[in-house]
Amino acid sequence: QLQLVESGGGLVEPGGSLRLSCAASGFTLAYYTIGWFRQAPGKEREGVSCINSSGGDTNYADSVKGRFTISRDNAKNTVYLQMNSLQPEDTAVYYCTASRGYYSCSGYVPTENDYWGQGTQVTVSS
C-alpha cells in the first residue's frame, strides 16, 4: 500500500518542542518534494515548510522561520519537521505531502493527485 504516515504530534507547553516525522511506505521518498501543511480549526490550510528531493532547497512560512527546521533522511525514507519554541498559534493538524515534478520548492503546490498523510495533531497549551 502506497501511503504517507505522520507521527510525533502531541500536547506540548508553550516554548516546547516536537519533532514530526513523515514516513513513506510502498514508494521511495527520495524522488519526491515534500511539504508540510497545517490546518487549525476554523482556518484555511496553510503551507508550513517544503524540502526538495535533494534536500538542497527548503522554504518556510514566515510564521515559523527560525523556529522550525525541515530535513530528510532518504535512507530511512522519512522527512522530519523539528518544531521549537512552539506557541499556541501553532496548534493545528499537520499534514505532509509528497509530489514529483518539482525541482525546487518555489511554487510548490500539491494537488489531490499527490500523496497526503492522514495528519497528526499538534496542540500547544499550558
PDB file of N, CA and C in Angstrom:
ATOM      1  N   GLN A   1       0.848  -1.194   0.000  1.00  0.00           N
ATOM      2  CA  GLN A   1       0.000   0.000   0.000  1.00  0.00           C
ATOM      3  C   GLN A   1       0.883   1.244   0.000  1.00  0.00           C
ATOM      4  N   LEU A   2       0.574   2.173  -0.900  1.00  0.00           N
ATOM      5  CA  LEU A   2       1.350   3.396  -1.014  1.00  0.00           C
ATOM      6  C   LEU A   2       0.750   4.434  -0.080  1.00  0.00           C
ATOM      7  N   GLN A   3       1.535   4.900   0.879  1.00  0.00           N
ATOM      8  CA  GLN A   3       0.993   5.880   1.804  1.00  0.00           C
ATOM      9  C   GLN A   3       2.081   6.659   2.512  1.00  0.00           C
ATOM     10  N   LEU A   4       1.669   7.815   3.029  1.00  0.00           N
ATOM     11  CA  LEU A   4       2.492   8.626   3.913  1.00  0.00           C
ATOM     12  C   LEU A   4       1.876   8.556   5.301  1.00  0.00           C
ATOM     13  N   VAL A   5       2.725   8.461   6.289  1.00  0.00           N
ATOM     14  CA  VAL A   5       2.238   8.392   7.666  1.00  0.00           C
ATOM     15  C   VAL A   5       2.999   9.393   8.513  1.00  0.00           C
ATOM     16  N   GLU A   6       2.253  10.335   9.105  1.00  0.00           N
ATOM     17  CA  GLU A   6       2.863  11.295  10.009  1.00  0.00           C
ATOM     18  C   GLU A   6       2.816  10.760  11.443  1.00  0.00           C
ATOM     19  N   SER A   7       3.766  11.186  12.215  1.00  0.00           N
ATOM     20  CA  SER A   7       3.792  10.842  13.635  1.00  0.00           C
ATOM     21  C   SER A   7       4.562  11.920  14.377  1.00  0.00           C
ATOM     22  N   GLY A   8       4.466  11.879  15.690  1.00  0.00           N
ATOM     23  CA  GLY A   8       5.232  12.802  16.510  1.00  0.00           C
ATOM     24  C   GLY A   8       4.438  13.945  17.094  1.00  0.00           C
ATOM     25  N   GLY A   9       3.170  14.051  16.729  1.00  0.00           N
ATOM     26  CA  GLY A   9       2.355  15.111  17.296  1.00  0.00           C
ATOM     27  C   GLY A   9       2.027  14.835  18.757  1.00  0.00           C
ATOM     28  N   GLY A  10       1.429  15.828  19.388  1.00  0.00           N
ATOM     29  CA  GLY A  10       1.046  15.653  20.785  1.00  0.00           C
ATOM     30  C   GLY A  10       0.757  16.985  21.440  1.00  0.00           C
ATOM     31  N   LEU A  11       0.684  16.938  22.749  1.00  0.00           N
ATOM     32  CA  LEU A  11       0.422  18.125  23.557  1.00  0.00           C
ATOM     33  C   LEU A  11       1.739  18.617  24.155  1.00  0.00           C
ATOM     34  N   VAL A  12       2.006  19.886  23.977  1.00  0.00           N
ATOM     35  CA  VAL A  12       3.249  20.466  24.486  1.00  0.00           C
ATOM     36  C   VAL A  12       2.949  21.847  25.037  1.00  0.00           C
ATOM     37  N   GLU A  13       3.697  22.255  26.029  1.00  0.00           N
ATOM     38  CA  GLU A  13       3.519  23.587  26.598  1.00  0.00           C
ATOM     39  C   GLU A  13       4.174  24.640  25.710  1.00  0.00           C
ATOM     40  N   PRO A  14       3.704  25.876  25.784  1.00  0.00           N
ATOM     41  CA  PRO A  14       4.351  26.954  25.014  1.00  0.00           C
ATOM     42  C   PRO A  14       5.848  27.007  25.312  1.00  0.00           C
ATOM     43  N   GLY A  15       6.623  27.178  24.255  1.00  0.00           N
ATOM     44  CA  GLY A  15       8.069  27.171  24.377  1.00  0.00           C
ATOM     45  C   GLY A  15       8.693  25.811  24.182  1.00  0.00           C
ATOM     46  N   GLY A  16       7.869  24.782  24.140  1.00  0.00           N
ATOM     47  CA  GLY A  16       8.370  23.426  23.995  1.00  0.00           C
ATOM     48  C   GLY A  16       8.678  23.059  22.559  1.00  0.00           C
ATOM     49  N   SER A  17       9.081  21.805  22.382  1.00  0.00           N
ATOM     50  CA  SER A  17       9.489  21.316  21.061  1.00  0.00           C
ATOM     51  C   SER A  17       8.825  19.984  20.751  1.00  0.00           C
ATOM     52  N   LEU A  18       8.658  19.745  19.476  1.00  0.00           N
ATOM     53  CA  LEU A  18       8.216  18.460  18.962  1.00  0.00           C
ATOM     54  C   LEU A  18       8.950  18.195  17.660  1.00  0.00           C
ATOM     55  N   ARG A  19       9.115  16.929  17.331  1.00  0.00           N
ATOM     56  CA  ARG A  19       9.637  16.575  16.023  1.00  0.00           C
ATOM     57  C   ARG A  19       8.620  15.677  15.333  1.00  0.00           C
ATOM     58  N   LEU A  20       8.124  16.174  14.219  1.00  0.00           N
ATOM     59  CA  LEU A  20       7.196  15.395  13.417  1.00  0.00           C
ATOM     60  C   LEU A  20       7.968  14.571  12.396  1.00  0.00           C
ATOM     61  N   SER A  21       7.458  13.392  12.126  1.00  0.00           N
ATOM     62  CA  SER A  21       8.036  12.532  11.101  1.00  0.00           C
ATOM     63  C   SER A  21       6.998  12.256  10.026  1.00  0.00           C
ATOM     64  N   CYS A  22       7.478  12.120   8.832  1.00  0.00           N
ATOM     65  CA  CYS A  22       6.629  11.772   7.688  1.00  0.00           C
ATOM     66  C   CYS A  22       7.317  10.603   7.003  1.00  0.00           C
ATOM     67  N   ALA A  23       6.760   9.428   7.157  1.00  0.00           N
ATOM     68  CA  ALA A  23       7.373   8.218   6.619  1.00  0.00           C
ATOM     69  C   ALA A  23       6.559   7.691   5.443  1.00  0.00           C
ATOM     70  N   ALA A  24       7.258   7.253   4.430  1.00  0.00           N
ATOM     71  CA  ALA A  24       6.598   6.703   3.250  1.00  0.00           C
ATOM     72  C   ALA A  24       6.677   5.188   3.258  1.00  0.00           C
ATOM     73  N   SER A  25       5.612   4.573   2.820  1.00  0.00           N
ATOM     74  CA  SER A  25       5.645   3.130   2.625  1.00  0.00           C
ATOM     75  C   SER A  25       5.141   2.809   1.228  1.00  0.00           C
ATOM     76  N   GLY A  26       5.824   1.891   0.573  1.00  0.00           N
ATOM     77  CA  GLY A  26       5.410   1.483  -0.754  1.00  0.00           C
ATOM     78  C   GLY A  26       6.008   2.291  -1.883  1.00  0.00           C
ATOM     79  N   PHE A  27       6.737   3.342  -1.571  1.00  0.00           N
ATOM     80  CA  PHE A  27       7.413   4.114  -2.605  1.00  0.00           C
ATOM     81  C   PHE A  27       8.628   4.803  -1.990  1.00  0.00           C
ATOM     82  N   THR A  28       9.511   5.266  -2.873  1.00  0.00           N
ATOM     83  CA  THR A  28      10.778   5.848  -2.435  1.00  0.00           C
ATOM     84  C   THR A  28      10.652   7.354  -2.334  1.00  0.00           C
ATOM     85  N   LEU A  29      10.751   7.836  -1.110  1.00  0.00           N
ATOM     86  CA  LEU A  29      10.544   9.257  -0.861  1.00  0.00           C
ATOM     87  C   LEU A  29      11.638  10.124  -1.465  1.00  0.00           C
ATOM     88  N   ALA A  30      12.780   9.556  -1.755  1.00  0.00           N
ATOM     89  CA  ALA A  30      13.924  10.324  -2.242  1.00  0.00           C
ATOM     90  C   ALA A  30      13.634  11.035  -3.554  1.00  0.00           C
ATOM     91  N   TYR A  31      12.675  10.569  -4.328  1.00  0.00           N
ATOM     92  CA  TYR A  31      12.368  11.165  -5.620  1.00  0.00           C
ATOM     93  C   TYR A  31      11.332  12.279  -5.529  1.00  0.00           C
ATOM     94  N   TYR A  32      10.887  12.581  -4.322  1.00  0.00           N
ATOM     95  CA  TYR A  32       9.762  13.477  -4.141  1.00  0.00           C
ATOM     96  C   TYR A  32      10.132  14.751  -3.388  1.00  0.00           C
ATOM     97  N   THR A  33       9.487  15.842  -3.785  1.00  0.00           N
ATOM     98  CA  THR A  33       9.478  17.049  -2.974  1.00  0.00           C
ATOM     99  C   THR A  33       8.418  16.878  -1.890  1.00  0.00           C
ATOM    100  N   ILE A  34       8.774  17.253  -0.684  1.00  0.00           N
ATOM    101  CA  ILE A  34       7.901  17.043   0.476  1.00  0.00           C
ATOM    102  C   ILE A  34       7.472  18.375   1.072  1.00  0.00           C
ATOM    103  N   GLY A  35       6.210  18.472   1.363  1.00  0.00           N
ATOM    104  CA  GLY A  35       5.687  19.661   2.017  1.00  0.00           C
ATOM    105  C   GLY A  35       5.037  19.323   3.345  1.00  0.00           C
ATOM    106  N   TRP A  36       5.086  20.270   4.240  1.00  0.00           N
ATOM    107  CA  TRP A  36       4.314  20.191   5.490  1.00  0.00           C
ATOM    108  C   TRP A  36       3.273  21.310   5.453  1.00  0.00           C
ATOM    109  N   PHE A  37       2.053  20.937   5.761  1.00  0.00           N
ATOM    110  CA  PHE A  37       0.949  21.873   5.807  1.00  0.00           C
ATOM    111  C   PHE A  37       0.257  21.711   7.145  1.00  0.00           C
ATOM    112  N   ARG A  38      -0.501  22.723   7.531  1.00  0.00           N
ATOM    113  CA  ARG A  38      -1.259  22.605   8.770  1.00  0.00           C
ATOM    114  C   ARG A  38      -2.615  23.279   8.612  1.00  0.00           C
ATOM    115  N   GLN A  39      -3.537  22.798   9.408  1.00  0.00           N
ATOM    116  CA  GLN A  39      -4.875  23.388   9.399  1.00  0.00           C
ATOM    117  C   GLN A  39      -5.397  23.436  10.822  1.00  0.00           C
ATOM    118  N   ALA A  40      -5.697  24.644  11.252  1.00  0.00           N
ATOM    119  CA  ALA A  40      -6.267  24.856  12.579  1.00  0.00           C
ATOM    120  C   ALA A  40      -7.782  24.919  12.452  1.00  0.00           C
ATOM    121  N   PRO A  41      -8.503  24.631  13.522  1.00  0.00           N
ATOM    122  CA  PRO A  41      -9.969  24.676  13.473  1.00  0.00           C
ATOM    123  C   PRO A  41     -10.465  26.037  13.007  1.00  0.00           C
ATOM    124  N   GLY A  42     -11.339  26.015  12.023  1.00  0.00           N
ATOM    125  CA  GLY A  42     -11.923  27.243  11.523  1.00  0.00           C
ATOM    126  C   GLY A  42     -11.027  28.062  10.625  1.00  0.00           C
ATOM    127  N   LYS A  43      -9.853  27.542  10.320  1.00  0.00           N
ATOM    128  CA  LYS A  43      -8.921  28.278   9.461  1.00  0.00           C
ATOM    129  C   LYS A  43      -8.609  27.489   8.205  1.00  0.00           C
ATOM    130  N   GLU A  44      -8.121  28.195   7.206  1.00  0.00           N
ATOM    131  CA  GLU A  44      -7.724  27.530   5.978  1.00  0.00           C
ATOM    132  C   GLU A  44      -6.379  26.821   6.171  1.00  0.00           C
ATOM    133  N   ARG A  45      -6.170  25.813   5.359  1.00  0.00           N
ATOM    134  CA  ARG A  45      -4.899  25.114   5.390  1.00  0.00           C
ATOM    135  C   ARG A  45      -3.790  26.047   4.918  1.00  0.00           C
ATOM    136  N   GLU A  46      -2.641  25.975   5.569  1.00  0.00           N
ATOM    137  CA  GLU A  46      -1.532  26.822   5.176  1.00  0.00           C
ATOM    138  C   GLU A  46      -0.258  26.006   5.035  1.00  0.00           C
ATOM    139  N   GLY A  47       0.586  26.437   4.125  1.00  0.00           N
ATOM    140  CA  GLY A  47       1.877  25.791   3.957  1.00  0.00           C
ATOM    141  C   GLY A  47       2.815  26.172   5.076  1.00  0.00           C
ATOM    142  N   VAL A  48       3.544  25.214   5.571  1.00  0.00           N
ATOM    143  CA  VAL A  48       4.480  25.435   6.667  1.00  0.00           C
ATOM    144  C   VAL A  48       5.923  25.384   6.174  1.00  0.00           C
ATOM    145  N   SER A  49       6.245  24.339   5.437  1.00  0.00           N
ATOM    146  CA  SER A  49       7.628  24.163   5.006  1.00  0.00           C
ATOM    147  C   SER A  49       7.677  23.197   3.837  1.00  0.00           C
ATOM    148  N   CYS A  50       8.796  23.230   3.144  1.00  0.00           N
ATOM    149  CA  CYS A  50       8.981  22.364   1.976  1.00  0.00           C
ATOM    150  C   CYS A  50      10.458  22.007   1.868  1.00  0.00           C
ATOM    151  N   ILE A  51      10.719  20.833   1.328  1.00  0.00           N
ATOM    152  CA  ILE A  51      12.096  20.431   1.032  1.00  0.00           C
ATOM    153  C   ILE A  51      12.082  19.674  -0.288  1.00  0.00           C
ATOM    154  N   ASN A  52      13.022  19.994  -1.163  1.00  0.00           N
ATOM    155  CA  ASN A  52      13.016  19.311  -2.459  1.00  0.00           C
ATOM    156  C   ASN A  52      13.682  17.944  -2.334  1.00  0.00           C
ATOM    157  N   SER A  53      13.697  17.206  -3.412  1.00  0.00           N
ATOM    158  CA  SER A  53      14.131  15.808  -3.355  1.00  0.00           C
ATOM    159  C   SER A  53      15.585  15.660  -2.928  1.00  0.00           C
ATOM    160  N   SER A  54      16.434  16.596  -3.333  1.00  0.00           N
ATOM    161  CA  SER A  54      17.850  16.500  -2.966  1.00  0.00           C
ATOM    162  C   SER A  54      18.127  17.024  -1.575  1.00  0.00           C
ATOM    163  N   GLY A  55      17.179  17.766  -1.031  1.00  0.00           N
ATOM    164  CA  GLY A  55      17.400  18.403   0.261  1.00  0.00           C
ATOM    165  C   GLY A  55      18.120  19.725   0.151  1.00  0.00           C
ATOM    166  N   GLY A  56      18.469  20.125  -1.067  1.00  0.00           N
ATOM    167  CA  GLY A  56      19.233  21.348  -1.254  1.00  0.00           C
ATOM    168  C   GLY A  56      18.412  22.614  -1.260  1.00  0.00           C
ATOM    169  N   ASP A  57      17.107  22.483  -1.313  1.00  0.00           N
ATOM    170  CA  ASP A  57      16.231  23.655  -1.311  1.00  0.00           C
ATOM    171  C   ASP A  57      15.139  23.461  -0.285  1.00  0.00           C
ATOM    172  N   THR A  58      14.982  24.445   0.565  1.00  0.00           N
ATOM    173  CA  THR A  58      13.920  24.413   1.576  1.00  0.00           C
ATOM    174  C   THR A  58      13.270  25.784   1.642  1.00  0.00           C
ATOM    175  N   ASN A  59      12.057  25.811   2.129  1.00  0.00           N
ATOM    176  CA  ASN A  59      11.460  27.096   2.458  1.00  0.00           C
ATOM    177  C   ASN A  59      10.520  26.954   3.644  1.00  0.00           C
ATOM    178  N   TYR A  60      10.175  28.092   4.223  1.00  0.00           N
ATOM    179  CA  TYR A  60       9.358  28.114   5.434  1.00  0.00           C
ATOM    180  C   TYR A  60       8.369  29.270   5.364  1.00  0.00           C
ATOM    181  N   ALA A  61       7.235  29.059   5.986  1.00  0.00           N
ATOM    182  CA  ALA A  61       6.303  30.161   6.178  1.00  0.00           C
ATOM    183  C   ALA A  61       6.944  31.178   7.109  1.00  0.00           C
ATOM    184  N   ASP A  62       6.611  32.447   6.906  1.00  0.00           N
ATOM    185  CA  ASP A  62       7.196  33.500   7.750  1.00  0.00           C
ATOM    186  C   ASP A  62       6.905  33.244   9.227  1.00  0.00           C
ATOM    187  N   SER A  63       5.754  32.664   9.504  1.00  0.00           N
ATOM    188  CA  SER A  63       5.336  32.464  10.893  1.00  0.00           C
ATOM    189  C   SER A  63       6.180  31.425  11.630  1.00  0.00           C
ATOM    190  N   VAL A  64       6.940  30.602  10.902  1.00  0.00           N
ATOM    191  CA  VAL A  64       7.724  29.553  11.563  1.00  0.00           C
ATOM    192  C   VAL A  64       9.224  29.690  11.320  1.00  0.00           C
ATOM    193  N   LYS A  65       9.610  30.659  10.513  1.00  0.00           N
ATOM    194  CA  LYS A  65      11.046  30.829  10.235  1.00  0.00           C
ATOM    195  C   LYS A  65      11.828  31.047  11.518  1.00  0.00           C
ATOM    196  N   GLY A  66      12.944  30.366  11.602  1.00  0.00           N
ATOM    197  CA  GLY A  66      13.782  30.486  12.780  1.00  0.00           C
ATOM    198  C   GLY A  66      13.376  29.568  13.918  1.00  0.00           C
ATOM    199  N   ARG A  67      12.209  28.953  13.800  1.00  0.00           N
ATOM    200  CA  ARG A  67      11.735  28.044  14.858  1.00  0.00           C
ATOM    201  C   ARG A  67      11.618  26.609  14.365  1.00  0.00           C
ATOM    202  N   PHE A  68      11.236  26.432  13.114  1.00  0.00           N
ATOM    203  CA  PHE A  68      11.041  25.101  12.534  1.00  0.00           C
ATOM    204  C   PHE A  68      12.178  24.790  11.570  1.00  0.00           C
ATOM    205  N   THR A  69      12.534  23.520  11.511  1.00  0.00           N
ATOM    206  CA  THR A  69      13.551  23.057  10.576  1.00  0.00           C
ATOM    207  C   THR A  69      13.085  21.774   9.904  1.00  0.00           C
ATOM    208  N   ILE A  70      13.102  21.780   8.578  1.00  0.00           N
ATOM    209  CA  ILE A  70      12.736  20.594   7.821  1.00  0.00           C
ATOM    210  C   ILE A  70      14.006  19.878   7.389  1.00  0.00           C
ATOM    211  N   SER A  71      13.967  18.560   7.397  1.00  0.00           N
ATOM    212  CA  SER A  71      15.116  17.778   6.960  1.00  0.00           C
ATOM    213  C   SER A  71      14.615  16.444   6.431  1.00  0.00           C
ATOM    214  N   ARG A  72      15.502  15.743   5.773  1.00  0.00           N
ATOM    215  CA  ARG A  72      15.094  14.451   5.245  1.00  0.00           C
ATOM    216  C   ARG A  72      16.224  13.453   5.397  1.00  0.00           C
ATOM    217  N   ASP A  73      15.834  12.217   5.616  1.00  0.00           N
ATOM    218  CA  ASP A  73      16.769  11.099   5.671  1.00  0.00           C
ATOM    219  C   ASP A  73      16.274  10.087   4.653  1.00  0.00           C
ATOM    220  N   ASN A  74      16.809  10.177   3.457  1.00  0.00           N
ATOM    221  CA  ASN A  74      16.320   9.317   2.390  1.00  0.00           C
ATOM    222  C   ASN A  74      16.609   7.839   2.666  1.00  0.00           C
ATOM    223  N   ALA A  75      17.640   7.568   3.420  1.00  0.00           N
ATOM    224  CA  ALA A  75      17.935   6.177   3.763  1.00  0.00           C
ATOM    225  C   ALA A  75      16.829   5.573   4.629  1.00  0.00           C
ATOM    226  N   LYS A  76      16.181   6.434   5.417  1.00  0.00           N
ATOM    227  CA  LYS A  76      15.084   5.975   6.272  1.00  0.00           C
ATOM    228  C   LYS A  76      13.724   6.243   5.636  1.00  0.00           C
ATOM    229  N   ASN A  77      13.763   6.817   4.405  1.00  0.00           N
ATOM    230  CA  ASN A  77      12.506   7.101   3.708  1.00  0.00           C
ATOM    231  C   ASN A  77      11.588   7.988   4.541  1.00  0.00           C
ATOM    232  N   THR A  78      12.182   8.977   5.190  1.00  0.00           N
ATOM    233  CA  THR A  78      11.456   9.803   6.154  1.00  0.00           C
ATOM    234  C   THR A  78      11.893  11.260   6.040  1.00  0.00           C
ATOM    235  N   VAL A  79      10.927  12.142   6.233  1.00  0.00           N
ATOM    236  CA  VAL A  79      11.176  13.576   6.334  1.00  0.00           C
ATOM    237  C   VAL A  79      10.744  14.022   7.720  1.00  0.00           C
ATOM    238  N   TYR A  80      11.484  14.968   8.271  1.00  0.00           N
ATOM    239  CA  TYR A  80      11.226  15.437   9.623  1.00  0.00           C
ATOM    240  C   TYR A  80      10.897  16.928   9.628  1.00  0.00           C
ATOM    241  N   LEU A  81      10.145  17.327  10.632  1.00  0.00           N
ATOM    242  CA  LEU A  81       9.909  18.743  10.894  1.00  0.00           C
ATOM    243  C   LEU A  81      10.183  18.962  12.378  1.00  0.00           C
ATOM    244  N   GLN A  82      11.336  19.567  12.655  1.00  0.00           N
ATOM    245  CA  GLN A  82      11.678  19.898  14.022  1.00  0.00           C
ATOM    246  C   GLN A  82      11.039  21.232  14.364  1.00  0.00           C
ATOM    247  N   MET A  83      10.228  21.242  15.409  1.00  0.00           N
ATOM    248  CA  MET A  83       9.489  22.445  15.784  1.00  0.00           C
ATOM    249  C   MET A  83       9.919  22.872  17.179  1.00  0.00           C
ATOM    250  N   ASN A  84      10.534  24.024  17.255  1.00  0.00           N
ATOM    251  CA  ASN A  84      10.992  24.574  18.531  1.00  0.00           C
ATOM    252  C   ASN A  84      10.217  25.831  18.865  1.00  0.00           C
ATOM    253  N   SER A  85      10.311  26.240  20.112  1.00  0.00           N
ATOM    254  CA  SER A  85       9.652  27.472  20.578  1.00  0.00           C
ATOM    255  C   SER A  85       8.188  27.494  20.148  1.00  0.00           C
ATOM    256  N   LEU A  86       7.513  26.402  20.357  1.00  0.00           N
ATOM    257  CA  LEU A  86       6.116  26.297  19.929  1.00  0.00           C
ATOM    258  C   LEU A  86       5.231  27.261  20.697  1.00  0.00           C
ATOM    259  N   GLN A  87       4.255  27.790  19.978  1.00  0.00           N
ATOM    260  CA  GLN A  87       3.305  28.747  20.536  1.00  0.00           C
ATOM    261  C   GLN A  87       1.882  28.240  20.322  1.00  0.00           C
ATOM    262  N   PRO A  88       0.937  28.743  21.096  1.00  0.00           N
ATOM    263  CA  PRO A  88      -0.458  28.286  20.926  1.00  0.00           C
ATOM    264  C   PRO A  88      -0.960  28.423  19.500  1.00  0.00           C
ATOM    265  N   GLU A  89      -0.494  29.427  18.781  1.00  0.00           N
ATOM    266  CA  GLU A  89      -0.951  29.598  17.395  1.00  0.00           C
ATOM    267  C   GLU A  89      -0.415  28.531  16.450  1.00  0.00           C
ATOM    268  N   ASP A  90       0.497  27.709  16.930  1.00  0.00           N
ATOM    269  CA  ASP A  90       0.976  26.583  16.117  1.00  0.00           C
ATOM    270  C   ASP A  90       0.050  25.367  16.236  1.00  0.00           C
ATOM    271  N   THR A  91      -0.931  25.455  17.092  1.00  0.00           N
ATOM    272  CA  THR A  91      -1.872  24.349  17.259  1.00  0.00           C
ATOM    273  C   THR A  91      -2.632  24.094  15.970  1.00  0.00           C
ATOM    274  N   ALA A  92      -2.578  22.873  15.492  1.00  0.00           N
ATOM    275  CA  ALA A  92      -3.213  22.514  14.226  1.00  0.00           C
ATOM    276  C   ALA A  92      -3.000  21.031  13.967  1.00  0.00           C
ATOM    277  N   VAL A  93      -3.671  20.532  12.952  1.00  0.00           N
ATOM    278  CA  VAL A  93      -3.348  19.218  12.399  1.00  0.00           C
ATOM    279  C   VAL A  93      -2.302  19.448  11.313  1.00  0.00           C
ATOM    280  N   TYR A  94      -1.221  18.720  11.419  1.00  0.00           N
ATOM    281  CA  TYR A  94      -0.117  18.849  10.482  1.00  0.00           C
ATOM    282  C   TYR A  94      -0.126  17.679   9.496  1.00  0.00           C
ATOM    283  N   TYR A  95      -0.008  18.022   8.229  1.00  0.00           N
ATOM    284  CA  TYR A  95      -0.018  17.022   7.160  1.00  0.00           C
ATOM    285  C   TYR A  95       1.282  17.110   6.367  1.00  0.00           C
ATOM    286  N   CYS A  96       1.745  15.984   5.893  1.00  0.00           N
ATOM    287  CA  CYS A  96       2.849  16.020   4.936  1.00  0.00           C
ATOM    288  C   CYS A  96       2.335  15.567   3.568  1.00  0.00           C
ATOM    289  N   THR A  97       2.998  16.066   2.545  1.00  0.00           N
ATOM    290  CA  THR A  97       2.641  15.740   1.173  1.00  0.00           C
ATOM    291  C   THR A  97       3.896  15.341   0.417  1.00  0.00           C
ATOM    292  N   ALA A  98       3.715  14.581  -0.629  1.00  0.00           N
ATOM    293  CA  ALA A  98       4.831  14.156  -1.476  1.00  0.00           C
ATOM    294  C   ALA A  98       4.440  14.320  -2.927  1.00  0.00           C
ATOM    295  N   SER A  99       5.297  15.012  -3.683  1.00  0.00           N
ATOM    296  CA  SER A  99       4.984  15.314  -5.066  1.00  0.00           C
ATOM    297  C   SER A  99       6.219  15.110  -5.933  1.00  0.00           C
ATOM    298  N   ARG A 100       6.012  14.677  -7.144  1.00  0.00           N
ATOM    299  CA  ARG A 100       7.096  14.616  -8.127  1.00  0.00           C
ATOM    300  C   ARG A 100       6.934  15.761  -9.108  1.00  0.00           C
ATOM    301  N   GLY A 101       8.012  16.067  -9.787  1.00  0.00           N
ATOM    302  CA  GLY A 101       7.942  17.078 -10.826  1.00  0.00           C
ATOM    303  C   GLY A 101       8.343  18.463 -10.384  1.00  0.00           C
ATOM    304  N   TYR A 102       8.806  18.583  -9.131  1.00  0.00           N
ATOM    305  CA  TYR A 102       9.263  19.883  -8.643  1.00  0.00           C
ATOM    306  C   TYR A 102      10.765  19.824  -8.415  1.00  0.00           C
ATOM    307  N   TYR A 103      11.515  20.625  -9.159  1.00  0.00           N
ATOM    308  CA  TYR A 103      12.956  20.681  -8.956  1.00  0.00           C
ATOM    309  C   TYR A 103      13.294  21.430  -7.673  1.00  0.00           C
ATOM    310  N   SER A 104      12.478  22.437  -7.351  1.00  0.00           N
ATOM    311  CA  SER A 104      12.697  23.200  -6.135  1.00  0.00           C
ATOM    312  C   SER A 104      11.370  23.391  -5.433  1.00  0.00           C
ATOM    313  N   CYS A 105      11.421  24.057  -4.284  1.00  0.00           N
ATOM    314  CA  CYS A 105      10.198  24.331  -3.533  1.00  0.00           C
ATOM    315  C   CYS A 105       9.470  25.567  -4.049  1.00  0.00           C
ATOM    316  N   SER A 106      10.098  26.305  -4.945  1.00  0.00           N
ATOM    317  CA  SER A 106       9.474  27.501  -5.462  1.00  0.00           C
ATOM    318  C   SER A 106       8.177  27.148  -6.196  1.00  0.00           C
ATOM    319  N   GLY A 107       7.087  27.727  -5.729  1.00  0.00           N
ATOM    320  CA  GLY A 107       5.812  27.468  -6.375  1.00  0.00           C
ATOM    321  C   GLY A 107       5.211  26.113  -6.073  1.00  0.00           C
ATOM    322  N   TYR A 108       5.704  25.460  -5.024  1.00  0.00           N
ATOM    323  CA  TYR A 108       5.214  24.118  -4.709  1.00  0.00           C
ATOM    324  C   TYR A 108       3.768  24.162  -4.223  1.00  0.00           C
ATOM    325  N   VAL A 109       2.905  23.493  -4.955  1.00  0.00           N
ATOM    326  CA  VAL A 109       1.501  23.398  -4.590  1.00  0.00           C
ATOM    327  C   VAL A 109       1.049  21.967  -4.846  1.00  0.00           C
ATOM    328  N   PRO A 110       0.917  21.160  -3.807  1.00  0.00           N
ATOM    329  CA  PRO A 110       0.468  19.790  -4.026  1.00  0.00           C
ATOM    330  C   PRO A 110      -0.990  19.750  -4.437  1.00  0.00           C
ATOM    331  N   THR A 111      -1.341  18.730  -5.174  1.00  0.00           N
ATOM    332  CA  THR A 111      -2.720  18.557  -5.610  1.00  0.00           C
ATOM    333  C   THR A 111      -3.292  17.302  -4.971  1.00  0.00           C
ATOM    334  N   GLU A 112      -4.542  17.054  -5.224  1.00  0.00           N
ATOM    335  CA  GLU A 112      -5.195  15.857  -4.701  1.00  0.00           C
ATOM    336  C   GLU A 112      -4.620  14.595  -5.316  1.00  0.00           C
ATOM    337  N   ASN A 113      -3.907  14.726  -6.405  1.00  0.00           N
ATOM    338  CA  ASN A 113      -3.304  13.563  -7.050  1.00  0.00           C
ATOM    339  C   ASN A 113      -1.969  13.175  -6.433  1.00  0.00           C
ATOM    340  N   ASP A 114      -1.462  14.022  -5.536  1.00  0.00           N
ATOM    341  CA  ASP A 114      -0.211  13.717  -4.852  1.00  0.00           C
ATOM    342  C   ASP A 114      -0.501  12.911  -3.584  1.00  0.00           C
ATOM    343  N   TYR A 115       0.587  12.484  -2.947  1.00  0.00           N
ATOM    344  CA  TYR A 115       0.417  11.740  -1.708  1.00  0.00           C
ATOM    345  C   TYR A 115       0.188  12.710  -0.539  1.00  0.00           C
ATOM    346  N   TRP A 116      -0.771  12.362   0.294  1.00  0.00           N
ATOM    347  CA  TRP A 116      -1.057  13.118   1.509  1.00  0.00           C
ATOM    348  C   TRP A 116      -1.103  12.148   2.678  1.00  0.00           C
ATOM    349  N   GLY A 117      -0.553  12.576   3.810  1.00  0.00           N
ATOM    350  CA  GLY A 117      -0.701  11.776   5.011  1.00  0.00           C
ATOM    351  C   GLY A 117      -2.046  12.047   5.669  1.00  0.00           C
ATOM    352  N   GLN A 118      -2.313  11.309   6.720  1.00  0.00           N
ATOM    353  CA  GLN A 118      -3.608  11.435   7.396  1.00  0.00           C
ATOM    354  C   GLN A 118      -3.617  12.557   8.426  1.00  0.00           C
ATOM    355  N   GLY A 119      -2.438  13.076   8.737  1.00  0.00           N
ATOM    356  CA  GLY A 119      -2.340  14.186   9.669  1.00  0.00           C
ATOM    357  C   GLY A 119      -2.002  13.756  11.083  1.00  0.00           C
ATOM    358  N   THR A 120      -1.334  14.652  11.790  1.00  0.00           N
ATOM    359  CA  THR A 120      -1.034  14.424  13.203  1.00  0.00           C
ATOM    360  C   THR A 120      -1.334  15.701  13.965  1.00  0.00           C
ATOM    361  N   GLN A 121      -1.996  15.554  15.107  1.00  0.00           N
ATOM    362  CA  GLN A 121      -2.444  16.722  15.873  1.00  0.00           C
ATOM    363  C   GLN A 121      -1.305  17.266  16.719  1.00  0.00           C
ATOM    364  N   VAL A 122      -1.115  18.569  16.626  1.00  0.00           N
ATOM    365  CA  VAL A 122      -0.178  19.279  17.497  1.00  0.00           C
ATOM    366  C   VAL A 122      -0.984  20.289  18.307  1.00  0.00           C
ATOM    367  N   THR A 123      -0.894  20.193  19.610  1.00  0.00           N
ATOM    368  CA  THR A 123      -1.598  21.107  20.489  1.00  0.00           C
ATOM    369  C   THR A 123      -0.595  21.765  21.425  1.00  0.00           C
ATOM    370  N   VAL A 124      -0.581  23.088  21.388  1.00  0.00           N
ATOM    371  CA  VAL A 124       0.335  23.848  22.242  1.00  0.00           C
ATOM    372  C   VAL A 124      -0.508  24.590  23.271  1.00  0.00           C
ATOM    373  N   SER A 125      -0.380  24.181  24.506  1.00  0.00           N
ATOM    374  CA  SER A 125      -1.221  24.751  25.546  1.00  0.00           C
ATOM    375  C   SER A 125      -0.586  24.531  26.911  1.00  0.00           C
ATOM    376  N   SER A 126      -0.836  25.473  27.802  1.00  0.00           N
ATOM    377  CA  SER A 126      -0.360  25.312  29.170  1.00  0.00           C
ATOM    378  C   SER A 126      -1.469  24.719  30.045  1.00  0.00           C
TER     379      SER A 126
END
